[in-house]
C-alpha atoms as a PDB file:
ATOM      1  CA  UNK A   1      36.911  -6.455 -30.689  1.00  0.00           C
ATOM      2  CA  UNK A   2      34.389  -8.542 -28.936  1.00  0.00           C
ATOM      3  CA  UNK A   3      33.744 -12.129 -30.006  1.00  0.00           C
ATOM      4  CA  UNK A   4      30.891 -12.785 -32.604  1.00  0.00           C
ATOM      5  CA  UNK A   5      28.208 -14.928 -32.091  1.00  0.00           C
ATOM      6  CA  UNK A   6      27.911 -17.855 -34.258  1.00  0.00           C
ATOM      7  CA  UNK A   7      24.173 -18.720 -36.013  1.00  0.00           C
ATOM      8  CA  UNK A   8      23.672 -21.830 -33.677  1.00  0.00           C
ATOM      9  CA  UNK A   9      24.284 -18.739 -30.579  1.00  0.00           C
ATOM     10  CA  UNK A  10      22.135 -16.603 -32.338  1.00  0.00           C
ATOM     11  CA  UNK A  11      19.380 -18.986 -32.891  1.00  0.00           C
ATOM     12  CA  UNK A  12      18.302 -19.333 -29.356  1.00  0.00           C
ATOM     13  CA  UNK A  13      18.228 -15.408 -28.611  1.00  0.00           C
ATOM     14  CA  UNK A  14      16.008 -14.965 -31.978  1.00  0.00           C
ATOM     15  CA  UNK A  15      13.530 -17.874 -31.664  1.00  0.00           C
ATOM     16  CA  UNK A  16      11.421 -16.447 -28.796  1.00  0.00           C
ATOM     17  CA  UNK A  17      11.150 -13.381 -30.418  1.00  0.00           C
ATOM     18  CA  UNK A  18       9.821 -14.987 -33.288  1.00  0.00           C
ATOM     19  CA  UNK A  19       7.490 -16.832 -31.555  1.00  0.00           C
ATOM     20  CA  UNK A  20       6.206 -14.251 -29.493  1.00  0.00           C
ATOM     21  CA  UNK A  21       5.551 -11.989 -32.319  1.00  0.00           C
ATOM     22  CA  UNK A  22       3.472 -14.688 -33.983  1.00  0.00           C
ATOM     23  CA  UNK A  23       1.484 -15.680 -30.905  1.00  0.00           C
ATOM     24  CA  UNK A  24       1.371 -11.717 -30.341  1.00  0.00           C
ATOM     25  CA  UNK A  25      -0.246 -10.291 -33.613  1.00  0.00           C
ATOM     26  CA  UNK A  26      -3.604 -11.073 -34.084  1.00  0.00           C
ATOM     27  CA  UNK A  27      -3.024 -11.621 -37.699  1.00  0.00           C
ATOM     28  CA  UNK A  28      -0.700 -14.209 -37.586  1.00  0.00           C
ATOM     29  CA  UNK A  29      -2.171 -15.685 -34.628  1.00  0.00           C
ATOM     30  CA  UNK A  30      -5.403 -16.420 -36.275  1.00  0.00           C
ATOM     31  CA  UNK A  31      -3.727 -18.371 -38.768  1.00  0.00           C
ATOM     32  CA  UNK A  32      -0.960 -20.323 -36.547  1.00  0.00           C
ATOM     33  CA  UNK A  33      -3.550 -20.774 -33.949  1.00  0.00           C
ATOM     34  CA  UNK A  34      -4.603 -23.475 -35.861  1.00  0.00           C
ATOM     35  CA  UNK A  35      -1.311 -25.725 -35.305  1.00  0.00           C
ATOM     36  CA  UNK A  36      -2.416 -25.440 -31.254  1.00  0.00           C
ATOM     37  CA  UNK A  37      -5.556 -26.543 -32.043  1.00  0.00           C
ATOM     38  CA  UNK A  38      -4.149 -29.557 -33.918  1.00  0.00           C
ATOM     39  CA  UNK A  39      -2.223 -29.964 -30.727  1.00  0.00           C
ATOM     40  CA  UNK A  40      -4.918 -29.594 -28.675  1.00  0.00           C
ATOM     41  CA  UNK A  41      -7.078 -32.162 -30.197  1.00  0.00           C
ATOM     42  CA  UNK A  42      -4.088 -34.580 -30.917  1.00  0.00           C
ATOM     43  CA  UNK A  43      -3.634 -34.625 -26.928  1.00  0.00           C
ATOM     44  CA  UNK A  44      -7.171 -35.383 -26.401  1.00  0.00           C
ATOM     45  CA  UNK A  45      -7.121 -38.293 -29.303  1.00  0.00           C
ATOM     46  CA  UNK A  46      -3.630 -39.527 -27.581  1.00  0.00           C
ATOM     47  CA  UNK A  47      -5.035 -40.032 -24.102  1.00  0.00           C
ATOM     48  CA  UNK A  48      -8.496 -41.473 -25.277  1.00  0.00           C
ATOM     49  CA  UNK A  49      -6.716 -44.492 -27.026  1.00  0.00           C
ATOM     50  CA  UNK A  50      -4.016 -44.725 -24.249  1.00  0.00           C
ATOM     51  CA  UNK A  51      -7.146 -44.886 -21.785  1.00  0.00           C
ATOM     52  CA  UNK A  52      -8.615 -47.888 -23.785  1.00  0.00           C
ATOM     53  CA  UNK A  53     -11.586 -45.307 -25.295  1.00  0.00           C
ATOM     54  CA  UNK A  54     -12.214 -45.775 -28.993  1.00  0.00           C
ATOM     55  CA  UNK A  55     -11.296 -42.701 -31.154  1.00  0.00           C
ATOM     56  CA  UNK A  56     -14.256 -41.945 -33.572  1.00  0.00           C
ATOM     57  CA  UNK A  57     -13.030 -38.891 -35.304  1.00  0.00           C
ATOM     58  CA  UNK A  58     -11.217 -35.441 -34.987  1.00  0.00           C
ATOM     59  CA  UNK A  59     -12.286 -32.199 -36.522  1.00  0.00           C
ATOM     60  CA  UNK A  60     -10.590 -28.821 -37.020  1.00  0.00           C
ATOM     61  CA  UNK A  61     -12.475 -26.190 -38.127  1.00  0.00           C
ATOM     62  CA  UNK A  62     -11.680 -22.605 -40.066  1.00  0.00           C
ATOM     63  CA  UNK A  63     -12.197 -20.382 -36.934  1.00  0.00           C
ATOM     64  CA  UNK A  64      -9.627 -22.387 -35.096  1.00  0.00           C
ATOM     65  CA  UNK A  65     -11.975 -24.828 -32.852  1.00  0.00           C
ATOM     66  CA  UNK A  66     -11.916 -28.458 -33.063  1.00  0.00           C
ATOM     67  CA  UNK A  67     -13.393 -31.332 -31.804  1.00  0.00           C
ATOM     68  CA  UNK A  68     -12.382 -35.123 -30.815  1.00  0.00           C
ATOM     69  CA  UNK A  69     -14.587 -37.680 -30.427  1.00  0.00           C
ATOM     70  CA  UNK A  70     -14.173 -41.115 -28.886  1.00  0.00           C
ATOM     71  CA  UNK A  71     -16.112 -43.774 -27.604  1.00  0.00           C
ATOM     72  CA  UNK A  72     -16.504 -45.014 -24.294  1.00  0.00           C
ATOM     73  CA  UNK A  73     -18.125 -44.643 -20.473  1.00  0.00           C
ATOM     74  CA  UNK A  74     -19.194 -41.100 -20.170  1.00  0.00           C
ATOM     75  CA  UNK A  75     -17.871 -40.861 -16.928  1.00  0.00           C
ATOM     76  CA  UNK A  76     -14.741 -42.353 -14.934  1.00  0.00           C
ATOM     77  CA  UNK A  77     -10.996 -41.734 -14.739  1.00  0.00           C
ATOM     78  CA  UNK A  78     -10.464 -42.402 -18.648  1.00  0.00           C
ATOM     79  CA  UNK A  79     -12.954 -39.158 -19.896  1.00  0.00           C
ATOM     80  CA  UNK A  80     -11.594 -37.102 -16.837  1.00  0.00           C
ATOM     81  CA  UNK A  81      -8.064 -37.806 -18.603  1.00  0.00           C
ATOM     82  CA  UNK A  82      -8.949 -37.584 -21.805  1.00  0.00           C
ATOM     83  CA  UNK A  83     -11.027 -34.130 -21.307  1.00  0.00           C
ATOM     84  CA  UNK A  84      -8.093 -32.863 -19.145  1.00  0.00           C
ATOM     85  CA  UNK A  85      -5.123 -34.079 -22.009  1.00  0.00           C
ATOM     86  CA  UNK A  86      -6.094 -31.006 -24.463  1.00  0.00           C
ATOM     87  CA  UNK A  87      -5.253 -27.320 -23.078  1.00  0.00           C
ATOM     88  CA  UNK A  88      -2.265 -29.244 -21.216  1.00  0.00           C
ATOM     89  CA  UNK A  89      -1.127 -30.616 -24.735  1.00  0.00           C
ATOM     90  CA  UNK A  90       0.150 -27.896 -26.637  1.00  0.00           C
ATOM     91  CA  UNK A  91       2.124 -26.561 -23.576  1.00  0.00           C
ATOM     92  CA  UNK A  92       3.918 -30.175 -22.581  1.00  0.00           C
ATOM     93  CA  UNK A  93       4.816 -30.691 -26.306  1.00  0.00           C
ATOM     94  CA  UNK A  94       6.416 -27.697 -26.543  1.00  0.00           C
ATOM     95  CA  UNK A  95       8.299 -28.503 -23.126  1.00  0.00           C
ATOM     96  CA  UNK A  96       9.342 -31.918 -25.018  1.00  0.00           C
ATOM     97  CA  UNK A  97      10.411 -29.992 -28.032  1.00  0.00           C
ATOM     98  CA  UNK A  98      12.229 -27.638 -26.135  1.00  0.00           C
ATOM     99  CA  UNK A  99      14.127 -30.589 -24.365  1.00  0.00           C
ATOM    100  CA  UNK A 100      14.770 -32.289 -27.760  1.00  0.00           C
ATOM    101  CA  UNK A 101      16.186 -29.153 -29.200  1.00  0.00           C
ATOM    102  CA  UNK A 102      18.421 -28.645 -26.044  1.00  0.00           C
ATOM    103  CA  UNK A 103      20.110 -32.150 -26.570  1.00  0.00           C
ATOM    104  CA  UNK A 104      20.720 -31.411 -30.089  1.00  0.00           C
ATOM    105  CA  UNK A 105      18.163 -34.277 -31.447  1.00  0.00           C
ATOM    106  CA  UNK A 106      16.515 -31.657 -33.751  1.00  0.00           C
ATOM    107  CA  UNK A 107      16.102 -33.808 -36.788  1.00  0.00           C
ATOM    108  CA  UNK A 108      14.766 -36.629 -34.975  1.00  0.00           C
ATOM    109  CA  UNK A 109      12.292 -33.992 -33.583  1.00  0.00           C
ATOM    110  CA  UNK A 110      10.910 -32.972 -36.878  1.00  0.00           C
ATOM    111  CA  UNK A 111      10.690 -36.734 -37.956  1.00  0.00           C
ATOM    112  CA  UNK A 112       8.472 -37.406 -34.890  1.00  0.00           C
ATOM    113  CA  UNK A 113       6.378 -34.426 -35.583  1.00  0.00           C
ATOM    114  CA  UNK A 114       5.719 -36.021 -39.214  1.00  0.00           C
ATOM    115  CA  UNK A 115       4.877 -39.309 -37.390  1.00  0.00           C
ATOM    116  CA  UNK A 116       2.260 -37.708 -34.653  1.00  0.00           C
ATOM    117  CA  UNK A 117       0.693 -35.646 -37.732  1.00  0.00           C
ATOM    118  CA  UNK A 118       0.497 -38.412 -40.113  1.00  0.00           C
ATOM    119  CA  UNK A 119      -1.261 -40.471 -37.034  1.00  0.00           C
ATOM    120  CA  UNK A 120      -3.493 -37.610 -36.698  1.00  0.00           C
ATOM    121  CA  UNK A 121      -4.918 -37.119 -40.287  1.00  0.00           C
ATOM    122  CA  UNK A 122      -5.706 -40.771 -40.108  1.00  0.00           C
ATOM    123  CA  UNK A 123      -8.551 -39.909 -37.846  1.00  0.00           C
ATOM    124  CA  UNK A 124      -9.707 -36.303 -39.565  1.00  0.00           C
ATOM    125  CA  UNK A 125     -12.878 -36.366 -40.301  1.00  0.00           C
ATOM    126  CA  UNK A 126     -13.174 -32.849 -42.244  1.00  0.00           C
ATOM    127  CA  UNK A 127     -11.773 -31.209 -45.272  1.00  0.00           C
ATOM    128  CA  UNK A 128     -10.346 -28.233 -43.458  1.00  0.00           C
ATOM    129  CA  UNK A 129      -8.747 -30.321 -40.910  1.00  0.00           C
ATOM    130  CA  UNK A 130      -6.824 -32.531 -43.412  1.00  0.00           C
ATOM    131  CA  UNK A 131      -5.788 -29.735 -45.390  1.00  0.00           C
ATOM    132  CA  UNK A 132      -4.606 -28.100 -41.855  1.00  0.00           C
ATOM    133  CA  UNK A 133      -2.767 -31.441 -40.862  1.00  0.00           C
ATOM    134  CA  UNK A 134      -1.582 -31.723 -44.555  1.00  0.00           C
ATOM    135  CA  UNK A 135       0.300 -28.567 -44.810  1.00  0.00           C
ATOM    136  CA  UNK A 136       1.814 -28.416 -41.534  1.00  0.00           C
ATOM    137  CA  UNK A 137       2.979 -31.695 -41.774  1.00  0.00           C
ATOM    138  CA  UNK A 138       4.126 -30.762 -45.262  1.00  0.00           C
ATOM    139  CA  UNK A 139       6.255 -27.786 -44.093  1.00  0.00           C
ATOM    140  CA  UNK A 140       7.903 -30.074 -40.846  1.00  0.00           C
ATOM    141  CA  UNK A 141       8.631 -32.693 -43.688  1.00  0.00           C
ATOM    142  CA  UNK A 142      10.436 -30.264 -45.883  1.00  0.00           C
ATOM    143  CA  UNK A 143      12.297 -28.609 -42.878  1.00  0.00           C
ATOM    144  CA  UNK A 144      13.346 -32.279 -42.188  1.00  0.00           C
ATOM    145  CA  UNK A 145      14.775 -33.832 -45.219  1.00  0.00           C
ATOM    146  CA  UNK A 146      15.916 -30.099 -46.784  1.00  0.00           C
ATOM    147  CA  UNK A 147      16.950 -27.998 -44.067  1.00  0.00           C
ATOM    148  CA  UNK A 148      20.360 -27.579 -43.336  1.00  0.00           C
ATOM    149  CA  UNK A 149      21.507 -28.256 -39.353  1.00  0.00           C
ATOM    150  CA  UNK A 150      21.186 -24.192 -38.302  1.00  0.00           C
ATOM    151  CA  UNK A 151      17.815 -23.877 -40.501  1.00  0.00           C
ATOM    152  CA  UNK A 152      16.407 -27.291 -38.549  1.00  0.00           C
ATOM    153  CA  UNK A 153      17.514 -26.088 -35.074  1.00  0.00           C
ATOM    154  CA  UNK A 154      16.046 -22.716 -35.814  1.00  0.00           C
ATOM    155  CA  UNK A 155      12.626 -24.066 -36.807  1.00  0.00           C
ATOM    156  CA  UNK A 156      12.678 -26.429 -33.661  1.00  0.00           C
ATOM    157  CA  UNK A 157      13.467 -23.715 -32.012  1.00  0.00           C
ATOM    158  CA  UNK A 158      10.436 -21.652 -32.940  1.00  0.00           C
ATOM    159  CA  UNK A 159       8.405 -24.447 -32.794  1.00  0.00           C
ATOM    160  CA  UNK A 160       9.283 -25.063 -28.890  1.00  0.00           C
ATOM    161  CA  UNK A 161       8.421 -21.503 -28.122  1.00  0.00           C
ATOM    162  CA  UNK A 162       5.519 -21.262 -30.249  1.00  0.00           C
ATOM    163  CA  UNK A 163       3.761 -24.147 -28.632  1.00  0.00           C
ATOM    164  CA  UNK A 164       4.917 -22.782 -25.256  1.00  0.00           C
ATOM    165  CA  UNK A 165       3.573 -19.424 -25.784  1.00  0.00           C
ATOM    166  CA  UNK A 166       0.524 -20.337 -27.596  1.00  0.00           C
ATOM    167  CA  UNK A 167      -0.442 -22.957 -25.446  1.00  0.00           C
ATOM    168  CA  UNK A 168      -0.465 -20.013 -22.627  1.00  0.00           C
ATOM    169  CA  UNK A 169      -2.484 -17.869 -25.025  1.00  0.00           C
ATOM    170  CA  UNK A 170      -4.969 -20.476 -25.409  1.00  0.00           C
ATOM    171  CA  UNK A 171      -5.142 -21.215 -21.641  1.00  0.00           C
ATOM    172  CA  UNK A 172      -5.928 -17.214 -21.246  1.00  0.00           C
ATOM    173  CA  UNK A 173      -8.300 -17.244 -24.051  1.00  0.00           C
ATOM    174  CA  UNK A 174     -10.417 -20.017 -22.608  1.00  0.00           C
ATOM    175  CA  UNK A 175     -10.489 -17.854 -18.972  1.00  0.00           C
ATOM    176  CA  UNK A 176     -11.475 -14.823 -21.111  1.00  0.00           C
ATOM    177  CA  UNK A 177     -14.241 -16.691 -23.147  1.00  0.00           C
ATOM    178  CA  UNK A 178     -15.859 -18.350 -20.500  1.00  0.00           C
ATOM    179  CA  UNK A 179     -16.225 -14.880 -18.244  1.00  0.00           C
ATOM    180  CA  UNK A 180     -17.703 -13.507 -21.445  1.00  0.00           C
ATOM    181  CA  UNK A 181     -20.242 -16.404 -21.698  1.00  0.00           C
ATOM    182  CA  UNK A 182     -21.066 -16.276 -18.081  1.00  0.00           C
ATOM    183  CA  UNK A 183     -21.908 -12.543 -18.504  1.00  0.00           C
ATOM    184  CA  UNK A 184     -24.202 -12.743 -21.343  1.00  0.00           C
ATOM    185  CA  UNK A 185     -25.342 -16.170 -19.836  1.00  0.00           C
ATOM    186  CA  UNK A 186     -24.923 -17.840 -22.864  1.00  0.00           C
ATOM    187  CA  UNK A 187     -25.493 -21.486 -21.674  1.00  0.00           C
ATOM    188  CA  UNK A 188     -25.097 -24.300 -21.726  1.00  0.00           C
ATOM    189  CA  UNK A 189     -21.101 -23.881 -21.238  1.00  0.00           C
ATOM    190  CA  UNK A 190     -19.368 -26.552 -22.955  1.00  0.00           C
ATOM    191  CA  UNK A 191     -15.462 -25.943 -22.791  1.00  0.00           C
ATOM    192  CA  UNK A 192     -13.229 -28.687 -21.581  1.00  0.00           C
ATOM    193  CA  UNK A 193     -13.045 -26.630 -18.118  1.00  0.00           C
ATOM    194  CA  UNK A 194     -16.919 -27.205 -17.887  1.00  0.00           C
ATOM    195  CA  UNK A 195     -16.852 -30.675 -18.866  1.00  0.00           C
ATOM    196  CA  UNK A 196     -14.210 -31.612 -16.505  1.00  0.00           C
ATOM    197  CA  UNK A 197     -16.419 -29.800 -13.776  1.00  0.00           C
ATOM    198  CA  UNK A 198     -19.278 -31.967 -14.644  1.00  0.00           C
ATOM    199  CA  UNK A 199     -17.485 -35.017 -14.379  1.00  0.00           C
ATOM    200  CA  UNK A 200     -15.230 -34.282 -11.165  1.00  0.00           C
ATOM    201  CA  UNK A 201     -17.824 -31.944  -9.133  1.00  0.00           C
ATOM    202  CA  UNK A 202     -14.560 -29.346  -9.098  1.00  0.00           C
ATOM    203  CA  UNK A 203     -15.266 -25.431  -9.985  1.00  0.00           C
ATOM    204  CA  UNK A 204     -14.364 -24.817 -13.597  1.00  0.00           C
ATOM    205  CA  UNK A 205     -12.088 -22.119 -12.639  1.00  0.00           C
ATOM    206  CA  UNK A 206     -10.143 -24.223 -10.784  1.00  0.00           C
ATOM    207  CA  UNK A 207      -9.271 -26.121 -14.032  1.00  0.00           C
ATOM    208  CA  UNK A 208      -8.434 -23.084 -15.968  1.00  0.00           C
ATOM    209  CA  UNK A 209      -6.420 -22.290 -13.063  1.00  0.00           C
ATOM    210  CA  UNK A 210      -4.372 -25.503 -13.303  1.00  0.00           C
ATOM    211  CA  UNK A 211      -4.047 -25.321 -17.489  1.00  0.00           C
ATOM    212  CA  UNK A 212      -2.497 -21.624 -17.148  1.00  0.00           C
ATOM    213  CA  UNK A 213      -0.233 -23.026 -13.856  1.00  0.00           C
ATOM    214  CA  UNK A 214       1.189 -25.559 -16.064  1.00  0.00           C
ATOM    215  CA  UNK A 215       1.554 -23.716 -18.889  1.00  0.00           C
ATOM    216  CA  UNK A 216       3.400 -20.948 -17.201  1.00  0.00           C
ATOM    217  CA  UNK A 217       5.376 -23.814 -15.552  1.00  0.00           C
ATOM    218  CA  UNK A 218       6.159 -25.011 -19.137  1.00  0.00           C
ATOM    219  CA  UNK A 219       7.363 -21.652 -20.446  1.00  0.00           C
ATOM    220  CA  UNK A 220       9.710 -21.197 -17.427  1.00  0.00           C
ATOM    221  CA  UNK A 221      11.542 -24.555 -17.564  1.00  0.00           C
ATOM    222  CA  UNK A 222      11.565 -24.574 -21.233  1.00  0.00           C
ATOM    223  CA  UNK A 223      12.737 -21.490 -21.832  1.00  0.00           C
ATOM    224  CA  UNK A 224      15.717 -22.135 -19.001  1.00  0.00           C
ATOM    225  CA  UNK A 225      16.648 -25.177 -21.369  1.00  0.00           C
ATOM    226  CA  UNK A 226      16.528 -23.177 -24.615  1.00  0.00           C
ATOM    227  CA  UNK A 227      18.624 -20.163 -23.481  1.00  0.00           C
ATOM    228  CA  UNK A 228      20.130 -20.931 -20.122  1.00  0.00           C
ATOM    229  CA  UNK A 229      23.583 -21.891 -21.594  1.00  0.00           C
ATOM    230  CA  UNK A 230      23.724 -19.068 -24.175  1.00  0.00           C
ATOM    231  CA  UNK A 231      22.783 -17.042 -21.377  1.00  0.00           C
ATOM    232  CA  UNK A 232      25.306 -17.883 -19.161  1.00  0.00           C
ATOM    233  CA  UNK A 233      27.886 -17.525 -22.055  1.00  0.00           C
ATOM    234  CA  UNK A 234      26.978 -13.877 -22.675  1.00  0.00           C
ATOM    235  CA  UNK A 235      27.130 -13.562 -19.110  1.00  0.00           C
ATOM    236  CA  UNK A 236      30.798 -14.731 -18.682  1.00  0.00           C
ATOM    237  CA  UNK A 237      32.134 -12.473 -21.945  1.00  0.00           C
ATOM    238  CA  UNK A 238      30.540  -9.739 -20.152  1.00  0.00           C
ATOM    239  CA  UNK A 239      32.952 -10.234 -17.272  1.00  0.00           C
ATOM    240  CA  UNK A 240      29.273 -10.882 -14.956  1.00  0.00           C
ATOM    241  CA  UNK A 241      30.146 -14.013 -12.251  1.00  0.00           C
ATOM    242  CA  UNK A 242      27.745 -17.121 -12.553  1.00  0.00           C
END
């Protein structure tokens, strides 16, 4: 009789399916996308501070859009990096989460998430954004405080996959949204890609492509980290040379 998989081995196999369901289902995505927006605006905010800009505030809206306002030079490397960080942040946070899950640091990952969300909350300037960050942080905190090791592993694995898949879907939506605006001649275009185009002189499609390439690379690398060991174990059990 073949050896049964234990929960710790099942989690890596089920987590991507759960995350993909959330990201791929229209209704679930409309709710969960706010988490990607928090990561997006948090990326803008973090890089703004690190590059010496003064962070004025973050606003998150019920339509899952958001805006981060920082004060400083309107051109230059700091502004470019701040504009660049938004669409990269969910994918890179997902990759970082995948790395911590792989080495078994699920509890530190959860408390790190709580800390980042509390830091974000300080700068939120509207009620919906405040509620969204509080609810997200509260959920992560409950899992960190009360969750069993298996529950924490499952939550962190699903979160990592969700950020990886969600970041990639947000990149796709950016490209689709820009194309619709161009066809309708709905000007001015004011996406992050268009802001980067004005700051650097490079075309918006190049920035959309960069976001997408980074998102795909994060999914590939993070997926290997999260699934590699389990897939190798399953291959050995099946007698497949590895």
